Amino acid sequence: MAQDFLSLILKAGDIAKSEILKHWNTSFNVEWKADATPVTIADKKAEELVRNFAQKETPEFGFIGEEFGQENPNAEYQWVLDPIDGTKSFIHGVPLFGTLIAILKKGTPIAGLIQLPALNSKIWATAGNGAFANEGTQVKVSDVCELKDALVLSGTINTIESKGYGEWFANIRKNAKLYRGWGDCYGYYLVACGRAEIMIDPVVSLWDIAPYPLIFAEAGGSFSTLKGEKSLFSATGEPLHPIYEGYTAIASNGKLLYSLQL
C-alpha cells in the first residue's frame, strides 16, 4: 500500500514539474490575489493537471489545493497540494520554489513530497519507511546539538515581527552560527536533508506544510506549530486550525528544541 501511495505522489510531482518548467524563466502574466500574493498560469495549470490525475487514479479521494479549493472534504483520504510553494521566488527568477504534495488518511500523512523543479531535486517519504532524495538516497537531519553551530532559515523577517515573534526570533538568529532567508519549501528541504538545522514560518496555510510532519518524522527530525502541535489535524481528522493561513510552523533536527522555546 505504501508503494502505491508513493507511486501516486511521485507521478503527480512529475506532472506538476513538467508543466511548471514550461513557464520557468519565460514571459508570463502575474495576477495578484485578494491576499496580495501572486499567482501565475504555472500555479493554476499545475494544480489543474494534478487534480485531473488524482481524480482519474483515486476518484474516491478528496482534494485540497491552494488555487482551486476543496473537493469531497469528508473523504477518508485527501490529497493536499501546493502547486508552487514560493511563487514570489518563481516570478523573480529565483529557483528556490517547489511543489508540495501529501496524501492523508483521516488527517494523518501517509505519503509526502517536496519537489524542486528548477533544481531537479526532491525529497519524499512514506509512513514507517524513511525519507529519501532524488533517485533513492536516504536522508537524515543533521547531528548539530548547539544553536551556536546551527544554520537557521526563515521566510521574511517582516512577517515574523508583525506576528509578534520578533524578539524571540532575534534571539535565535543572533545566537546561531549562520542565518539566511532561504524560506518556503527550500528551507524545509535543507533541514530534512541535514544541510540546515532550523526553519521557521510565522504564518502558513495547510497546503504549505502538509507533507512535513511525515517527512521530518521519517528523516529523524521534528516538525510542529510554534505552539508545539505535532499534528495538523485532530484525532477525528479535522484541521486544527483554518486551512488558509491558520497555522505556524517550525522544523528542526530535533536536537535544538531547548533553544527554540517561545
C-alpha atoms as a PDB file:
ATOM      1  CA  MET A   1       0.000   0.000   0.000  1.00  0.00           C
ATOM      2  CA  ALA A   2       2.793   2.452   0.887  1.00  0.00           C
ATOM      3  CA  GLN A   3       4.406   1.864  -2.501  1.00  0.00           C
ATOM      4  CA  ASP A   4       1.093   2.592  -4.203  1.00  0.00           C
ATOM      5  CA  PHE A   5       0.838   5.961  -2.479  1.00  0.00           C
ATOM      6  CA  LEU A   6       4.489   6.705  -3.201  1.00  0.00           C
ATOM      7  CA  SER A   7       3.972   5.972  -6.874  1.00  0.00           C
ATOM      8  CA  LEU A   8       0.989   8.334  -6.928  1.00  0.00           C
ATOM      9  CA  ILE A   9       2.730  11.308  -5.370  1.00  0.00           C
ATOM     10  CA  LEU A  10       5.871  10.859  -7.467  1.00  0.00           C
ATOM     11  CA  LYS A  11       3.826  10.742 -10.666  1.00  0.00           C
ATOM     12  CA  ALA A  12       1.816  13.772  -9.551  1.00  0.00           C
ATOM     13  CA  GLY A  13       5.039  15.614  -8.751  1.00  0.00           C
ATOM     14  CA  ASP A  14       6.428  14.871 -12.203  1.00  0.00           C
ATOM     15  CA  ILE A  15       3.211  16.153 -13.798  1.00  0.00           C
ATOM     16  CA  ALA A  16       3.490  19.413 -11.873  1.00  0.00           C
ATOM     17  CA  LYS A  17       7.218  19.730 -12.590  1.00  0.00           C
ATOM     18  CA  SER A  18       6.778  19.276 -16.329  1.00  0.00           C
ATOM     19  CA  GLU A  19       4.124  21.983 -16.501  1.00  0.00           C
ATOM     20  CA  ILE A  20       5.957  24.433 -14.236  1.00  0.00           C
ATOM     21  CA  LEU A  21       9.191  24.173 -16.218  1.00  0.00           C
ATOM     22  CA  LYS A  22       7.321  25.118 -19.395  1.00  0.00           C
ATOM     23  CA  HIS A  23       6.828  28.558 -17.858  1.00  0.00           C
ATOM     24  CA  TRP A  24      10.012  28.909 -15.786  1.00  0.00           C
ATOM     25  CA  ASN A  25      12.136  31.883 -16.929  1.00  0.00           C
ATOM     26  CA  THR A  26       9.658  32.818 -19.654  1.00  0.00           C
ATOM     27  CA  SER A  27       7.346  35.783 -20.005  1.00  0.00           C
ATOM     28  CA  PHE A  28       4.021  35.316 -18.226  1.00  0.00           C
ATOM     29  CA  ASN A  29       1.369  37.441 -16.571  1.00  0.00           C
ATOM     30  CA  VAL A  30       1.320  37.719 -12.797  1.00  0.00           C
ATOM     31  CA  GLU A  31      -2.039  38.111 -11.109  1.00  0.00           C
ATOM     32  CA  TRP A  32      -2.342  39.360  -7.529  1.00  0.00           C
ATOM     33  CA  LYS A  33      -4.917  37.647  -5.371  1.00  0.00           C
ATOM     34  CA  ALA A  34      -7.052  39.357  -2.747  1.00  0.00           C
ATOM     35  CA  ASP A  35      -4.491  38.459  -0.070  1.00  0.00           C
ATOM     36  CA  ALA A  36      -1.756  40.307  -2.033  1.00  0.00           C
ATOM     37  CA  THR A  37       0.016  37.086  -3.053  1.00  0.00           C
ATOM     38  CA  PRO A  38       0.907  36.365  -6.689  1.00  0.00           C
ATOM     39  CA  VAL A  39      -0.400  33.592  -8.902  1.00  0.00           C
ATOM     40  CA  THR A  40       0.602  32.617 -12.437  1.00  0.00           C
ATOM     41  CA  ILE A  41      -0.535  30.317 -15.193  1.00  0.00           C
ATOM     42  CA  ALA A  42       2.078  27.833 -13.935  1.00  0.00           C
ATOM     43  CA  ASP A  43       0.435  27.630 -10.489  1.00  0.00           C
ATOM     44  CA  LYS A  44      -3.036  27.219 -11.941  1.00  0.00           C
ATOM     45  CA  LYS A  45      -2.202  24.786 -14.722  1.00  0.00           C
ATOM     46  CA  ALA A  46      -0.025  22.585 -12.494  1.00  0.00           C
ATOM     47  CA  GLU A  47      -2.815  22.274  -9.938  1.00  0.00           C
ATOM     48  CA  GLU A  48      -5.380  21.588 -12.639  1.00  0.00           C
ATOM     49  CA  LEU A  49      -3.279  18.764 -14.102  1.00  0.00           C
ATOM     50  CA  VAL A  50      -2.582  17.171 -10.712  1.00  0.00           C
ATOM     51  CA  ARG A  51      -6.268  17.369  -9.803  1.00  0.00           C
ATOM     52  CA  ASN A  52      -7.164  15.647 -13.039  1.00  0.00           C
ATOM     53  CA  PHE A  53      -4.588  12.934 -12.359  1.00  0.00           C
ATOM     54  CA  ALA A  54      -5.865  12.452  -8.805  1.00  0.00           C
ATOM     55  CA  GLN A  55      -9.475  12.268  -9.957  1.00  0.00           C
ATOM     56  CA  LYS A  56      -8.590   9.611 -12.525  1.00  0.00           C
ATOM     57  CA  GLU A  57      -6.405   7.493 -10.227  1.00  0.00           C
ATOM     58  CA  THR A  58      -8.243   7.968  -6.912  1.00  0.00           C
ATOM     59  CA  PRO A  59     -11.790   9.169  -7.637  1.00  0.00           C
ATOM     60  CA  GLU A  60     -12.932   8.442  -4.081  1.00  0.00           C
ATOM     61  CA  PHE A  61     -10.273  10.707  -2.528  1.00  0.00           C
ATOM     62  CA  GLY A  62     -10.819  14.318  -1.539  1.00  0.00           C
ATOM     63  CA  PHE A  63      -8.570  17.162  -2.651  1.00  0.00           C
ATOM     64  CA  ILE A  64      -7.329  20.372  -1.030  1.00  0.00           C
ATOM     65  CA  GLY A  65      -5.385  22.748  -3.264  1.00  0.00           C
ATOM     66  CA  GLU A  66      -4.188  26.316  -2.915  1.00  0.00           C
ATOM     67  CA  GLU A  67      -5.623  27.606  -6.172  1.00  0.00           C
ATOM     68  CA  PHE A  68      -8.962  25.805  -6.547  1.00  0.00           C
ATOM     69  CA  GLY A  69     -10.027  24.882  -3.021  1.00  0.00           C
ATOM     70  CA  GLN A  70     -11.545  21.702  -1.613  1.00  0.00           C
ATOM     71  CA  GLU A  71     -13.347  18.772  -3.183  1.00  0.00           C
ATOM     72  CA  ASN A  72     -15.012  15.925  -1.285  1.00  0.00           C
ATOM     73  CA  PRO A  73     -13.884  17.243   2.125  1.00  0.00           C
ATOM     74  CA  ASN A  74     -15.406  14.321   4.049  1.00  0.00           C
ATOM     75  CA  ALA A  75     -13.450  11.624   2.226  1.00  0.00           C
ATOM     76  CA  GLU A  76     -11.261   9.324   4.326  1.00  0.00           C
ATOM     77  CA  TYR A  77      -8.257  10.015   2.084  1.00  0.00           C
ATOM     78  CA  GLN A  78      -7.262  13.512   0.969  1.00  0.00           C
ATOM     79  CA  TRP A  79      -4.730  14.907  -1.438  1.00  0.00           C
ATOM     80  CA  VAL A  80      -3.187  18.229  -0.345  1.00  0.00           C
ATOM     81  CA  LEU A  81      -1.337  20.266  -2.978  1.00  0.00           C
ATOM     82  CA  ASP A  82       0.587  23.495  -3.216  1.00  0.00           C
ATOM     83  CA  PRO A  83       1.482  23.637  -6.916  1.00  0.00           C
ATOM     84  CA  ILE A  84       4.157  26.307  -6.431  1.00  0.00           C
ATOM     85  CA  ASP A  85       5.278  26.998  -2.902  1.00  0.00           C
ATOM     86  CA  GLY A  86       7.342  30.142  -3.329  1.00  0.00           C
ATOM     87  CA  THR A  87       5.557  31.829  -6.218  1.00  0.00           C
ATOM     88  CA  LYS A  88       7.333  35.087  -5.332  1.00  0.00           C
ATOM     89  CA  SER A  89      10.641  33.313  -5.963  1.00  0.00           C
ATOM     90  CA  PHE A  90       9.254  31.826  -9.185  1.00  0.00           C
ATOM     91  CA  ILE A  91       8.196  35.174 -10.649  1.00  0.00           C
ATOM     92  CA  HIS A  92      11.554  36.771  -9.784  1.00  0.00           C
ATOM     93  CA  GLY A  93      13.614  34.008 -11.392  1.00  0.00           C
ATOM     94  CA  VAL A  94      14.835  32.552  -8.096  1.00  0.00           C
ATOM     95  CA  PRO A  95      14.958  28.733  -8.314  1.00  0.00           C
ATOM     96  CA  LEU A  96      14.113  28.072  -4.637  1.00  0.00           C
ATOM     97  CA  PHE A  97      10.440  27.212  -5.213  1.00  0.00           C
ATOM     98  CA  GLY A  98       8.743  23.848  -5.282  1.00  0.00           C
ATOM     99  CA  THR A  99       5.672  21.673  -5.357  1.00  0.00           C
ATOM    100  CA  LEU A 100       4.322  20.188  -2.123  1.00  0.00           C
ATOM    101  CA  ILE A 101       2.101  17.095  -2.177  1.00  0.00           C
ATOM    102  CA  ALA A 102       0.692  14.976   0.624  1.00  0.00           C
ATOM    103  CA  ILE A 103      -1.809  12.142   0.804  1.00  0.00           C
ATOM    104  CA  LEU A 104      -3.580  11.975   4.151  1.00  0.00           C
ATOM    105  CA  LYS A 105      -5.729   9.325   5.794  1.00  0.00           C
ATOM    106  CA  LYS A 106      -8.083  10.906   8.329  1.00  0.00           C
ATOM    107  CA  GLY A 107      -5.631  13.776   8.718  1.00  0.00           C
ATOM    108  CA  THR A 108      -2.538  11.597   9.105  1.00  0.00           C
ATOM    109  CA  PRO A 109       0.017  11.983   6.290  1.00  0.00           C
ATOM    110  CA  ILE A 110       0.940   8.652   4.736  1.00  0.00           C
ATOM    111  CA  ALA A 111       2.937   9.949   1.772  1.00  0.00           C
ATOM    112  CA  GLY A 112       4.638  13.292   1.245  1.00  0.00           C
ATOM    113  CA  LEU A 113       6.766  15.041  -1.360  1.00  0.00           C
ATOM    114  CA  ILE A 114       8.875  18.181  -1.688  1.00  0.00           C
ATOM    115  CA  GLN A 115       9.711  18.654  -5.378  1.00  0.00           C
ATOM    116  CA  LEU A 116      12.088  21.410  -6.536  1.00  0.00           C
ATOM    117  CA  PRO A 117      11.572  21.629 -10.323  1.00  0.00           C
ATOM    118  CA  ALA A 118      14.233  24.216 -11.174  1.00  0.00           C
ATOM    119  CA  LEU A 119      16.843  22.393  -9.061  1.00  0.00           C
ATOM    120  CA  ASN A 120      15.837  18.955 -10.362  1.00  0.00           C
ATOM    121  CA  SER A 121      15.668  17.591  -6.821  1.00  0.00           C
ATOM    122  CA  LYS A 122      13.082  16.171  -4.434  1.00  0.00           C
ATOM    123  CA  ILE A 123      12.535  14.536  -1.064  1.00  0.00           C
ATOM    124  CA  TRP A 124       9.767  12.049  -0.387  1.00  0.00           C
ATOM    125  CA  ALA A 125       8.605   9.852   2.449  1.00  0.00           C
ATOM    126  CA  THR A 126       6.025   7.219   3.287  1.00  0.00           C
ATOM    127  CA  ALA A 127       4.988   6.302   6.799  1.00  0.00           C
ATOM    128  CA  GLY A 128       7.455   3.971   8.506  1.00  0.00           C
ATOM    129  CA  ASN A 129       9.814   3.700   5.546  1.00  0.00           C
ATOM    130  CA  GLY A 130      12.232   6.600   5.882  1.00  0.00           C
ATOM    131  CA  ALA A 131      12.803   9.750   3.839  1.00  0.00           C
ATOM    132  CA  PHE A 132      14.661   9.746   0.540  1.00  0.00           C
ATOM    133  CA  ALA A 133      16.030  12.192  -2.020  1.00  0.00           C
ATOM    134  CA  ASN A 134      16.219  12.121  -5.789  1.00  0.00           C
ATOM    135  CA  GLU A 135      16.875   8.572  -7.026  1.00  0.00           C
ATOM    136  CA  GLY A 136      16.625   6.936  -3.607  1.00  0.00           C
ATOM    137  CA  THR A 137      19.364   8.214  -1.302  1.00  0.00           C
ATOM    138  CA  GLN A 138      18.116   8.117   2.288  1.00  0.00           C
ATOM    139  CA  VAL A 139      18.192  11.497   4.008  1.00  0.00           C
ATOM    140  CA  LYS A 140      18.576  12.331   7.674  1.00  0.00           C
ATOM    141  CA  VAL A 141      18.609  15.559   9.648  1.00  0.00           C
ATOM    142  CA  SER A 142      21.921  16.849  10.983  1.00  0.00           C
ATOM    143  CA  ASP A 143      23.570  15.959  14.290  1.00  0.00           C
ATOM    144  CA  VAL A 144      24.201  19.568  15.320  1.00  0.00           C
ATOM    145  CA  CYS A 145      23.351  19.888  19.009  1.00  0.00           C
ATOM    146  CA  GLU A 146      24.009  23.549  19.804  1.00  0.00           C
ATOM    147  CA  LEU A 147      22.496  26.701  18.391  1.00  0.00           C
ATOM    148  CA  LYS A 148      25.942  28.298  18.067  1.00  0.00           C
ATOM    149  CA  ASP A 149      26.725  25.679  15.410  1.00  0.00           C
ATOM    150  CA  ALA A 150      23.378  25.861  13.596  1.00  0.00           C
ATOM    151  CA  LEU A 151      22.167  27.314  10.305  1.00  0.00           C
ATOM    152  CA  VAL A 152      18.784  28.985  10.869  1.00  0.00           C
ATOM    153  CA  LEU A 153      16.373  29.704   7.999  1.00  0.00           C
ATOM    154  CA  SER A 154      13.085  31.569   7.686  1.00  0.00           C
ATOM    155  CA  GLY A 155      10.745  33.415   5.404  1.00  0.00           C
ATOM    156  CA  THR A 156      10.514  37.187   5.667  1.00  0.00           C
ATOM    157  CA  ILE A 157      11.527  38.738   8.982  1.00  0.00           C
ATOM    158  CA  ASN A 158       8.898  41.434   8.405  1.00  0.00           C
ATOM    159  CA  THR A 159       6.117  38.888   8.884  1.00  0.00           C
ATOM    160  CA  ILE A 160       7.834  37.289  11.875  1.00  0.00           C
ATOM    161  CA  GLU A 161       7.949  40.701  13.547  1.00  0.00           C
ATOM    162  CA  SER A 162       4.413  41.705  12.579  1.00  0.00           C
ATOM    163  CA  LYS A 163       3.047  38.464  14.064  1.00  0.00           C
ATOM    164  CA  GLY A 164       4.698  39.195  17.407  1.00  0.00           C
ATOM    165  CA  TYR A 165       7.648  36.798  17.214  1.00  0.00           C
ATOM    166  CA  GLY A 166      10.325  39.405  16.571  1.00  0.00           C
ATOM    167  CA  GLU A 167      12.159  39.353  19.899  1.00  0.00           C
ATOM    168  CA  TRP A 168      12.026  35.557  20.160  1.00  0.00           C
ATOM    169  CA  PHE A 169      13.342  35.092  16.644  1.00  0.00           C
ATOM    170  CA  ALA A 170      16.025  37.751  17.011  1.00  0.00           C
ATOM    171  CA  ASN A 171      17.424  35.803  19.965  1.00  0.00           C
ATOM    172  CA  ILE A 172      17.583  32.604  17.902  1.00  0.00           C
ATOM    173  CA  ARG A 173      19.034  34.351  14.871  1.00  0.00           C
ATOM    174  CA  LYS A 174      21.733  36.224  16.765  1.00  0.00           C
ATOM    175  CA  ASN A 175      22.873  33.150  18.678  1.00  0.00           C
ATOM    176  CA  ALA A 176      23.036  30.892  15.636  1.00  0.00           C
ATOM    177  CA  LYS A 177      26.195  30.294  13.657  1.00  0.00           C
ATOM    178  CA  LEU A 178      24.536  31.477  10.464  1.00  0.00           C
ATOM    179  CA  TYR A 179      21.165  32.890   9.415  1.00  0.00           C
ATOM    180  CA  ARG A 180      19.739  33.005   5.910  1.00  0.00           C
ATOM    181  CA  GLY A 181      16.295  33.783   4.489  1.00  0.00           C
ATOM    182  CA  TRP A 182      16.064  30.712   2.271  1.00  0.00           C
ATOM    183  CA  GLY A 183      12.392  30.293   3.011  1.00  0.00           C
ATOM    184  CA  ASP A 184       9.414  28.391   1.652  1.00  0.00           C
ATOM    185  CA  CYS A 185       9.799  24.704   0.826  1.00  0.00           C
ATOM    186  CA  TYR A 186      13.519  25.038   0.085  1.00  0.00           C
ATOM    187  CA  GLY A 187      14.213  25.829   3.722  1.00  0.00           C
ATOM    188  CA  TYR A 188      12.393  22.708   4.891  1.00  0.00           C
ATOM    189  CA  TYR A 189      14.178  20.691   2.223  1.00  0.00           C
ATOM    190  CA  LEU A 190      17.559  21.791   3.601  1.00  0.00           C
ATOM    191  CA  VAL A 191      16.651  20.896   7.177  1.00  0.00           C
ATOM    192  CA  ALA A 192      15.252  17.494   6.189  1.00  0.00           C
ATOM    193  CA  CYS A 193      18.410  16.519   4.319  1.00  0.00           C
ATOM    194  CA  GLY A 194      20.772  17.719   7.051  1.00  0.00           C
ATOM    195  CA  ARG A 195      22.112  20.877   5.411  1.00  0.00           C
ATOM    196  CA  ALA A 196      20.443  23.293   7.867  1.00  0.00           C
ATOM    197  CA  GLU A 197      19.083  22.928  11.395  1.00  0.00           C
ATOM    198  CA  ILE A 198      16.021  25.177  11.819  1.00  0.00           C
ATOM    199  CA  MET A 199      13.305  26.559   9.547  1.00  0.00           C
ATOM    200  CA  ILE A 200      10.622  28.902  10.927  1.00  0.00           C
ATOM    201  CA  ASP A 201       7.351  30.210   9.447  1.00  0.00           C
ATOM    202  CA  PRO A 202       5.113  32.587  11.445  1.00  0.00           C
ATOM    203  CA  VAL A 203       2.027  32.050   9.271  1.00  0.00           C
ATOM    204  CA  VAL A 204       1.259  29.295   6.764  1.00  0.00           C
ATOM    205  CA  SER A 205      -1.691  27.551   5.163  1.00  0.00           C
ATOM    206  CA  LEU A 206      -2.305  23.819   5.340  1.00  0.00           C
ATOM    207  CA  TRP A 207      -1.021  23.208   1.804  1.00  0.00           C
ATOM    208  CA  ASP A 208       2.250  24.974   2.702  1.00  0.00           C
ATOM    209  CA  ILE A 209       3.151  22.337   5.304  1.00  0.00           C
ATOM    210  CA  ALA A 210       1.027  19.192   4.757  1.00  0.00           C
ATOM    211  CA  PRO A 211       3.939  16.827   3.876  1.00  0.00           C
ATOM    212  CA  TYR A 212       6.226  17.993   6.671  1.00  0.00           C
ATOM    213  CA  PRO A 213       5.018  16.081   9.751  1.00  0.00           C
ATOM    214  CA  LEU A 214       5.709  12.849   7.872  1.00  0.00           C
ATOM    215  CA  ILE A 215       8.914  13.893   6.114  1.00  0.00           C
ATOM    216  CA  PHE A 216      10.540  15.154   9.299  1.00  0.00           C
ATOM    217  CA  ALA A 217       9.433  12.168  11.349  1.00  0.00           C
ATOM    218  CA  GLU A 218      10.966   9.861   8.741  1.00  0.00           C
ATOM    219  CA  ALA A 219      14.149  11.956   8.469  1.00  0.00           C
ATOM    220  CA  GLY A 220      14.660  11.855  12.250  1.00  0.00           C
ATOM    221  CA  GLY A 221      13.789  15.483  12.906  1.00  0.00           C
ATOM    222  CA  SER A 222      10.997  17.491  14.471  1.00  0.00           C
ATOM    223  CA  PHE A 223       8.091  19.412  12.989  1.00  0.00           C
ATOM    224  CA  SER A 224       5.343  21.287  14.815  1.00  0.00           C
ATOM    225  CA  THR A 225       3.446  24.537  15.006  1.00  0.00           C
ATOM    226  CA  LEU A 226       5.047  27.255  17.104  1.00  0.00           C
ATOM    227  CA  LYS A 227       2.656  26.203  19.882  1.00  0.00           C
ATOM    228  CA  GLY A 228       4.182  22.720  19.797  1.00  0.00           C
ATOM    229  CA  GLU A 229       1.335  20.917  17.999  1.00  0.00           C
ATOM    230  CA  LYS A 230       2.857  17.901  16.269  1.00  0.00           C
ATOM    231  CA  SER A 231      -0.200  17.085  14.181  1.00  0.00           C
ATOM    232  CA  LEU A 232      -2.058  19.418  11.843  1.00  0.00           C
ATOM    233  CA  PHE A 233      -5.341  17.591  12.475  1.00  0.00           C
ATOM    234  CA  SER A 234      -7.451  16.475  15.401  1.00  0.00           C
ATOM    235  CA  ALA A 235      -7.887  12.819  16.360  1.00  0.00           C
ATOM    236  CA  THR A 236     -11.071  12.758  14.278  1.00  0.00           C
ATOM    237  CA  GLY A 237      -9.308  14.087  11.177  1.00  0.00           C
ATOM    238  CA  GLU A 238     -10.441  17.708  11.321  1.00  0.00           C
ATOM    239  CA  PRO A 239      -7.909  20.503  10.692  1.00  0.00           C
ATOM    240  CA  LEU A 240      -6.769  22.011  13.998  1.00  0.00           C
ATOM    241  CA  HIS A 241      -6.859  25.499  12.513  1.00  0.00           C
ATOM    242  CA  PRO A 242      -8.325  27.271   9.463  1.00  0.00           C
ATOM    243  CA  ILE A 243      -6.668  25.772   6.410  1.00  0.00           C
ATOM    244  CA  TYR A 244      -5.888  29.225   4.967  1.00  0.00           C
ATOM    245  CA  GLU A 245      -3.108  30.916   6.977  1.00  0.00           C
ATOM    246  CA  GLY A 246      -4.294  29.334  10.216  1.00  0.00           C
ATOM    247  CA  TYR A 247      -1.030  27.594  11.043  1.00  0.00           C
ATOM    248  CA  THR A 248       2.518  28.391  12.109  1.00  0.00           C
ATOM    249  CA  ALA A 249       5.473  26.064  11.575  1.00  0.00           C
ATOM    250  CA  ILE A 250       8.908  25.182  12.859  1.00  0.00           C
ATOM    251  CA  ALA A 251      11.107  22.352  11.621  1.00  0.00           C
ATOM    252  CA  SER A 252      14.401  21.350  13.177  1.00  0.00           C
ATOM    253  CA  ASN A 253      16.784  18.458  13.505  1.00  0.00           C
ATOM    254  CA  GLY A 254      15.093  17.696  16.840  1.00  0.00           C
ATOM    255  CA  LYS A 255      18.232  18.281  18.863  1.00  0.00           C
ATOM    256  CA  LEU A 256      17.893  22.046  19.332  1.00  0.00           C
ATOM    257  CA  LEU A 257      14.390  22.336  20.761  1.00  0.00           C
ATOM    258  CA  TYR A 258      15.663  23.558  24.127  1.00  0.00           C
ATOM    259  CA  SER A 259      16.982  26.618  22.277  1.00  0.00           C
ATOM    260  CA  LEU A 260      13.700  27.322  20.490  1.00  0.00           C
ATOM    261  CA  GLN A 261      11.166  27.828  23.293  1.00  0.00           C
ATOM    262  CA  LEU A 262       8.812  30.744  22.819  1.00  0.00           C
END
